[in-house]
Amino acid sequence: MNKYSPLLKRLALFLTWLPFASPSWADPPTLGGPAPLFRLPTHDGGAFDLAERRGKGWTVLYFYPKAGTPGCTTQACAFRDAIDVIRRQNAEVFGISTDSVAALQVFHREHRLNFTLLADVDALTTDAYGVKMPVLTMAKRRTFILDPELIVRRIDDDVDPALDAQRVADVLQKLQAGP
């Protein structure tokens, strides 16, 4: 048994660690279901509480991996350029990453963004939405569209950073037109 004891020790350590590999056992949001509520710091040092958006129009939450990287910059600038079209559809855009508030301040200022960025430093919101990358404390690129009652009406997991903002504008128009 001595030759197996290091293997057994590793197995026991792994089995002890396994319950903590995924910090959230909650199911991610589904179409037609309520959006998980959260409160996060904003790029300008304020606080954003999703519950306060109830009844105030449509909400677009887009998760992205890392501020300042090429794809994330392309996506943020596309939302910046399309924000007027999106706002005319009674919607607001919020970008969410696991970056620090300081990193988001720089990103927001550098690219003259005109919508709010949210810092999910502990990745709890990212995890609650089912978009946390395995092992890394980063978000997968996903976009959620919530109706005014914070019900999930669209989940896009095939996001093209350059086209996401236009796709969101198109989907908002279809969703608001009804069946």
C-alpha atoms as a PDB file:
ATOM      1  CA  MET A   1       0.000   0.000   0.000  1.00  0.00           C
ATOM      2  CA  ASN A   2       2.983   2.316   0.490  1.00  0.00           C
ATOM      3  CA  LYS A   3       3.550   2.690  -3.241  1.00  0.00           C
ATOM      4  CA  TYR A   4      -0.068   3.866  -3.644  1.00  0.00           C
ATOM      5  CA  SER A   5      -0.173   6.287  -0.713  1.00  0.00           C
ATOM      6  CA  PRO A   6       1.040   9.351  -2.708  1.00  0.00           C
ATOM      7  CA  LEU A   7      -1.649   8.646  -5.299  1.00  0.00           C
ATOM      8  CA  LEU A   8      -4.300   8.224  -2.613  1.00  0.00           C
ATOM      9  CA  LYS A   9      -3.206  11.461  -0.962  1.00  0.00           C
ATOM     10  CA  ARG A  10      -3.550  13.326  -4.278  1.00  0.00           C
ATOM     11  CA  LEU A  11      -6.961  11.776  -4.879  1.00  0.00           C
ATOM     12  CA  ALA A  12      -8.134  12.726  -1.401  1.00  0.00           C
ATOM     13  CA  LEU A  13      -6.850  16.276  -1.892  1.00  0.00           C
ATOM     14  CA  PHE A  14      -8.632  16.510  -5.250  1.00  0.00           C
ATOM     15  CA  LEU A  15     -11.908  15.213  -3.803  1.00  0.00           C
ATOM     16  CA  THR A  16     -11.628  17.707  -0.940  1.00  0.00           C
ATOM     17  CA  TRP A  17     -11.051  20.570  -3.399  1.00  0.00           C
ATOM     18  CA  LEU A  18     -13.742  19.541  -5.911  1.00  0.00           C
ATOM     19  CA  PRO A  19     -16.754  21.170  -4.196  1.00  0.00           C
ATOM     20  CA  PHE A  20     -14.967  24.522  -4.360  1.00  0.00           C
ATOM     21  CA  ALA A  21     -14.080  24.304  -8.066  1.00  0.00           C
ATOM     22  CA  SER A  22     -17.324  26.049  -8.976  1.00  0.00           C
ATOM     23  CA  PRO A  23     -18.269  28.672  -6.389  1.00  0.00           C
ATOM     24  CA  SER A  24     -21.921  28.872  -7.437  1.00  0.00           C
ATOM     25  CA  TRP A  25     -24.406  26.046  -7.602  1.00  0.00           C
ATOM     26  CA  ALA A  26     -27.164  28.320  -8.862  1.00  0.00           C
ATOM     27  CA  ASP A  27     -28.424  27.758 -12.377  1.00  0.00           C
ATOM     28  CA  PRO A  28     -27.487  30.422 -14.921  1.00  0.00           C
ATOM     29  CA  PRO A  29     -30.325  32.544 -16.309  1.00  0.00           C
ATOM     30  CA  THR A  30     -32.566  31.062 -18.975  1.00  0.00           C
ATOM     31  CA  LEU A  31     -34.743  32.622 -21.654  1.00  0.00           C
ATOM     32  CA  GLY A  32     -38.007  33.765 -20.134  1.00  0.00           C
ATOM     33  CA  GLY A  33     -36.627  33.554 -16.603  1.00  0.00           C
ATOM     34  CA  PRO A  34     -35.644  36.327 -14.216  1.00  0.00           C
ATOM     35  CA  ALA A  35     -32.206  37.841 -14.499  1.00  0.00           C
ATOM     36  CA  PRO A  36     -29.988  37.290 -11.451  1.00  0.00           C
ATOM     37  CA  LEU A  37     -29.906  40.532  -9.482  1.00  0.00           C
ATOM     38  CA  PHE A  38     -26.577  42.073  -8.532  1.00  0.00           C
ATOM     39  CA  ARG A  39     -24.918  45.240  -7.313  1.00  0.00           C
ATOM     40  CA  LEU A  40     -21.517  46.226  -8.749  1.00  0.00           C
ATOM     41  CA  PRO A  41     -19.191  49.239  -8.699  1.00  0.00           C
ATOM     42  CA  THR A  42     -19.169  51.403 -11.823  1.00  0.00           C
ATOM     43  CA  HIS A  43     -16.157  52.688 -13.730  1.00  0.00           C
ATOM     44  CA  ASP A  44     -16.665  56.142 -12.197  1.00  0.00           C
ATOM     45  CA  GLY A  45     -16.714  54.914  -8.590  1.00  0.00           C
ATOM     46  CA  GLY A  46     -20.492  54.773  -8.210  1.00  0.00           C
ATOM     47  CA  ALA A  47     -22.669  51.720  -7.690  1.00  0.00           C
ATOM     48  CA  PHE A  48     -25.073  49.979 -10.034  1.00  0.00           C
ATOM     49  CA  ASP A  49     -27.952  47.881  -8.702  1.00  0.00           C
ATOM     50  CA  LEU A  50     -29.754  45.889 -11.388  1.00  0.00           C
ATOM     51  CA  ALA A  51     -32.962  45.846  -9.325  1.00  0.00           C
ATOM     52  CA  GLU A  52     -33.188  49.630  -9.783  1.00  0.00           C
ATOM     53  CA  ARG A  53     -33.589  49.113 -13.542  1.00  0.00           C
ATOM     54  CA  ARG A  54     -36.972  47.409 -13.065  1.00  0.00           C
ATOM     55  CA  GLY A  55     -39.605  49.379 -14.977  1.00  0.00           C
ATOM     56  CA  LYS A  56     -37.023  51.708 -16.534  1.00  0.00           C
ATOM     57  CA  GLY A  57     -36.716  50.211 -20.008  1.00  0.00           C
ATOM     58  CA  TRP A  58     -34.704  47.420 -21.574  1.00  0.00           C
ATOM     59  CA  THR A  59     -31.292  46.461 -20.217  1.00  0.00           C
ATOM     60  CA  VAL A  60     -28.368  45.100 -22.216  1.00  0.00           C
ATOM     61  CA  LEU A  61     -25.672  43.343 -20.196  1.00  0.00           C
ATOM     62  CA  TYR A  62     -22.624  42.376 -22.173  1.00  0.00           C
ATOM     63  CA  PHE A  63     -19.859  40.403 -20.510  1.00  0.00           C
ATOM     64  CA  TYR A  64     -16.342  40.636 -21.907  1.00  0.00           C
ATOM     65  CA  PRO A  65     -13.006  39.093 -20.843  1.00  0.00           C
ATOM     66  CA  LYS A  66     -10.549  41.984 -20.389  1.00  0.00           C
ATOM     67  CA  ALA A  67     -10.589  45.734 -20.914  1.00  0.00           C
ATOM     68  CA  GLY A  68      -8.043  46.975 -23.413  1.00  0.00           C
ATOM     69  CA  THR A  69      -7.672  43.752 -25.377  1.00  0.00           C
ATOM     70  CA  PRO A  70      -8.390  43.921 -29.126  1.00  0.00           C
ATOM     71  CA  GLY A  71     -11.756  42.108 -29.169  1.00  0.00           C
ATOM     72  CA  CYS A  72     -13.034  43.862 -26.057  1.00  0.00           C
ATOM     73  CA  THR A  73     -12.005  47.259 -27.397  1.00  0.00           C
ATOM     74  CA  THR A  74     -13.726  46.540 -30.723  1.00  0.00           C
ATOM     75  CA  GLN A  75     -16.915  45.507 -28.915  1.00  0.00           C
ATOM     76  CA  ALA A  76     -16.940  48.504 -26.553  1.00  0.00           C
ATOM     77  CA  CYS A  77     -16.332  50.968 -29.393  1.00  0.00           C
ATOM     78  CA  ALA A  78     -19.118  49.356 -31.444  1.00  0.00           C
ATOM     79  CA  PHE A  79     -21.523  49.885 -28.526  1.00  0.00           C
ATOM     80  CA  ARG A  80     -20.241  53.447 -28.163  1.00  0.00           C
ATOM     81  CA  ASP A  81     -20.968  54.115 -31.833  1.00  0.00           C
ATOM     82  CA  ALA A  82     -24.433  52.485 -31.716  1.00  0.00           C
ATOM     83  CA  ILE A  83     -25.571  53.827 -28.350  1.00  0.00           C
ATOM     84  CA  ASP A  84     -27.967  56.414 -29.781  1.00  0.00           C
ATOM     85  CA  VAL A  85     -29.800  53.777 -31.842  1.00  0.00           C
ATOM     86  CA  ILE A  86     -30.027  51.501 -28.793  1.00  0.00           C
ATOM     87  CA  ARG A  87     -31.223  54.284 -26.492  1.00  0.00           C
ATOM     88  CA  ARG A  88     -33.926  55.283 -28.979  1.00  0.00           C
ATOM     89  CA  GLN A  89     -35.280  51.780 -28.355  1.00  0.00           C
ATOM     90  CA  ASN A  90     -35.591  52.558 -24.632  1.00  0.00           C
ATOM     91  CA  ALA A  91     -32.552  50.471 -23.687  1.00  0.00           C
ATOM     92  CA  GLU A  92     -29.344  51.036 -21.752  1.00  0.00           C
ATOM     93  CA  VAL A  93     -26.064  49.161 -22.173  1.00  0.00           C
ATOM     94  CA  PHE A  94     -23.811  47.967 -19.353  1.00  0.00           C
ATOM     95  CA  GLY A  95     -20.458  46.281 -19.977  1.00  0.00           C
ATOM     96  CA  ILE A  96     -19.296  43.826 -17.291  1.00  0.00           C
ATOM     97  CA  SER A  97     -15.812  42.420 -16.763  1.00  0.00           C
ATOM     98  CA  THR A  98     -13.728  41.204 -13.864  1.00  0.00           C
ATOM     99  CA  ASP A  99     -11.358  44.160 -14.266  1.00  0.00           C
ATOM    100  CA  SER A 100     -10.756  46.607 -11.427  1.00  0.00           C
ATOM    101  CA  VAL A 101     -12.542  49.944 -11.255  1.00  0.00           C
ATOM    102  CA  ALA A 102      -9.218  51.655 -12.004  1.00  0.00           C
ATOM    103  CA  ALA A 103      -8.699  49.589 -15.166  1.00  0.00           C
ATOM    104  CA  LEU A 104     -12.255  50.343 -16.286  1.00  0.00           C
ATOM    105  CA  GLN A 105     -11.741  54.086 -15.680  1.00  0.00           C
ATOM    106  CA  VAL A 106      -8.757  54.070 -18.007  1.00  0.00           C
ATOM    107  CA  PHE A 107     -10.570  51.955 -20.632  1.00  0.00           C
ATOM    108  CA  HIS A 108     -13.666  54.173 -20.480  1.00  0.00           C
ATOM    109  CA  ARG A 109     -11.684  57.401 -20.779  1.00  0.00           C
ATOM    110  CA  GLU A 110      -9.236  56.141 -23.419  1.00  0.00           C
ATOM    111  CA  HIS A 111     -12.035  55.075 -25.796  1.00  0.00           C
ATOM    112  CA  ARG A 112     -14.498  57.849 -24.894  1.00  0.00           C
ATOM    113  CA  LEU A 113     -17.192  55.334 -24.012  1.00  0.00           C
ATOM    114  CA  ASN A 114     -20.677  56.722 -23.428  1.00  0.00           C
ATOM    115  CA  PHE A 115     -22.222  53.940 -21.349  1.00  0.00           C
ATOM    116  CA  THR A 116     -21.477  52.409 -17.966  1.00  0.00           C
ATOM    117  CA  LEU A 117     -18.857  49.736 -17.289  1.00  0.00           C
ATOM    118  CA  LEU A 118     -19.221  47.504 -14.233  1.00  0.00           C
ATOM    119  CA  ALA A 119     -16.391  45.917 -12.227  1.00  0.00           C
ATOM    120  CA  ASP A 120     -17.092  42.337 -11.120  1.00  0.00           C
ATOM    121  CA  VAL A 121     -13.723  41.867  -9.445  1.00  0.00           C
ATOM    122  CA  ASP A 122     -14.733  38.797  -7.409  1.00  0.00           C
ATOM    123  CA  ALA A 123     -16.512  37.269 -10.472  1.00  0.00           C
ATOM    124  CA  LEU A 124     -19.659  36.488  -8.464  1.00  0.00           C
ATOM    125  CA  THR A 125     -21.969  38.124 -11.004  1.00  0.00           C
ATOM    126  CA  THR A 126     -20.025  36.594 -13.872  1.00  0.00           C
ATOM    127  CA  ASP A 127     -20.498  33.212 -12.230  1.00  0.00           C
ATOM    128  CA  ALA A 128     -24.198  33.819 -11.485  1.00  0.00           C
ATOM    129  CA  TYR A 129     -24.763  34.475 -15.197  1.00  0.00           C
ATOM    130  CA  GLY A 130     -22.912  31.279 -16.111  1.00  0.00           C
ATOM    131  CA  VAL A 131     -20.201  33.058 -18.077  1.00  0.00           C
ATOM    132  CA  LYS A 132     -17.134  32.587 -15.854  1.00  0.00           C
ATOM    133  CA  MET A 133     -14.256  30.924 -17.656  1.00  0.00           C
ATOM    134  CA  PRO A 134     -13.099  27.703 -16.025  1.00  0.00           C
ATOM    135  CA  VAL A 135     -10.062  28.236 -13.782  1.00  0.00           C
ATOM    136  CA  LEU A 136      -9.656  31.912 -14.839  1.00  0.00           C
ATOM    137  CA  THR A 137     -11.353  34.834 -13.149  1.00  0.00           C
ATOM    138  CA  MET A 138     -12.575  36.193 -16.458  1.00  0.00           C
ATOM    139  CA  ALA A 139     -15.882  36.322 -18.276  1.00  0.00           C
ATOM    140  CA  LYS A 140     -16.740  34.611 -21.524  1.00  0.00           C
ATOM    141  CA  ARG A 141     -18.069  36.975 -24.169  1.00  0.00           C
ATOM    142  CA  ARG A 142     -21.890  36.846 -23.792  1.00  0.00           C
ATOM    143  CA  THR A 143     -24.718  39.334 -24.219  1.00  0.00           C
ATOM    144  CA  PHE A 144     -28.020  39.310 -22.338  1.00  0.00           C
ATOM    145  CA  ILE A 145     -31.056  41.429 -23.194  1.00  0.00           C
ATOM    146  CA  LEU A 146     -33.520  41.977 -20.340  1.00  0.00           C
ATOM    147  CA  ASP A 147     -36.992  43.406 -20.705  1.00  0.00           C
ATOM    148  CA  PRO A 148     -38.214  46.227 -18.429  1.00  0.00           C
ATOM    149  CA  GLU A 149     -39.279  43.660 -15.799  1.00  0.00           C
ATOM    150  CA  LEU A 150     -35.749  42.153 -15.841  1.00  0.00           C
ATOM    151  CA  ILE A 151     -36.836  38.973 -17.603  1.00  0.00           C
ATOM    152  CA  VAL A 152     -34.181  37.485 -19.890  1.00  0.00           C
ATOM    153  CA  ARG A 153     -35.400  37.829 -23.484  1.00  0.00           C
ATOM    154  CA  ARG A 154     -32.173  37.053 -25.343  1.00  0.00           C
ATOM    155  CA  ILE A 155     -28.894  35.293 -24.585  1.00  0.00           C
ATOM    156  CA  ASP A 156     -26.236  35.542 -27.242  1.00  0.00           C
ATOM    157  CA  ASP A 157     -23.329  33.178 -26.733  1.00  0.00           C
ATOM    158  CA  ASP A 158     -22.012  33.503 -30.289  1.00  0.00           C
ATOM    159  CA  VAL A 159     -20.838  37.098 -30.010  1.00  0.00           C
ATOM    160  CA  ASP A 160     -18.849  38.789 -32.737  1.00  0.00           C
ATOM    161  CA  PRO A 161     -17.277  41.837 -31.029  1.00  0.00           C
ATOM    162  CA  ALA A 162     -17.565  44.017 -34.138  1.00  0.00           C
ATOM    163  CA  LEU A 163     -21.217  43.109 -34.795  1.00  0.00           C
ATOM    164  CA  ASP A 164     -22.660  42.715 -31.288  1.00  0.00           C
ATOM    165  CA  ALA A 165     -24.008  46.272 -30.946  1.00  0.00           C
ATOM    166  CA  GLN A 166     -25.825  46.148 -34.283  1.00  0.00           C
ATOM    167  CA  ARG A 167     -27.207  42.701 -33.478  1.00  0.00           C
ATOM    168  CA  VAL A 168     -28.476  44.025 -30.131  1.00  0.00           C
ATOM    169  CA  ALA A 169     -30.184  46.976 -31.866  1.00  0.00           C
ATOM    170  CA  ASP A 170     -31.835  44.609 -34.362  1.00  0.00           C
ATOM    171  CA  VAL A 171     -32.976  42.170 -31.667  1.00  0.00           C
ATOM    172  CA  LEU A 172     -34.379  44.981 -29.509  1.00  0.00           C
ATOM    173  CA  GLN A 173     -36.449  46.165 -32.445  1.00  0.00           C
ATOM    174  CA  LYS A 174     -37.825  42.642 -33.050  1.00  0.00           C
ATOM    175  CA  LEU A 175     -38.524  41.999 -29.381  1.00  0.00           C
ATOM    176  CA  GLN A 176     -40.367  45.267 -28.982  1.00  0.00           C
ATOM    177  CA  ALA A 177     -42.405  44.698 -32.144  1.00  0.00           C
ATOM    178  CA  GLY A 178     -43.925  41.593 -30.526  1.00  0.00           C
ATOM    179  CA  PRO A 179     -44.782  38.203 -32.067  1.00  0.00           C
END
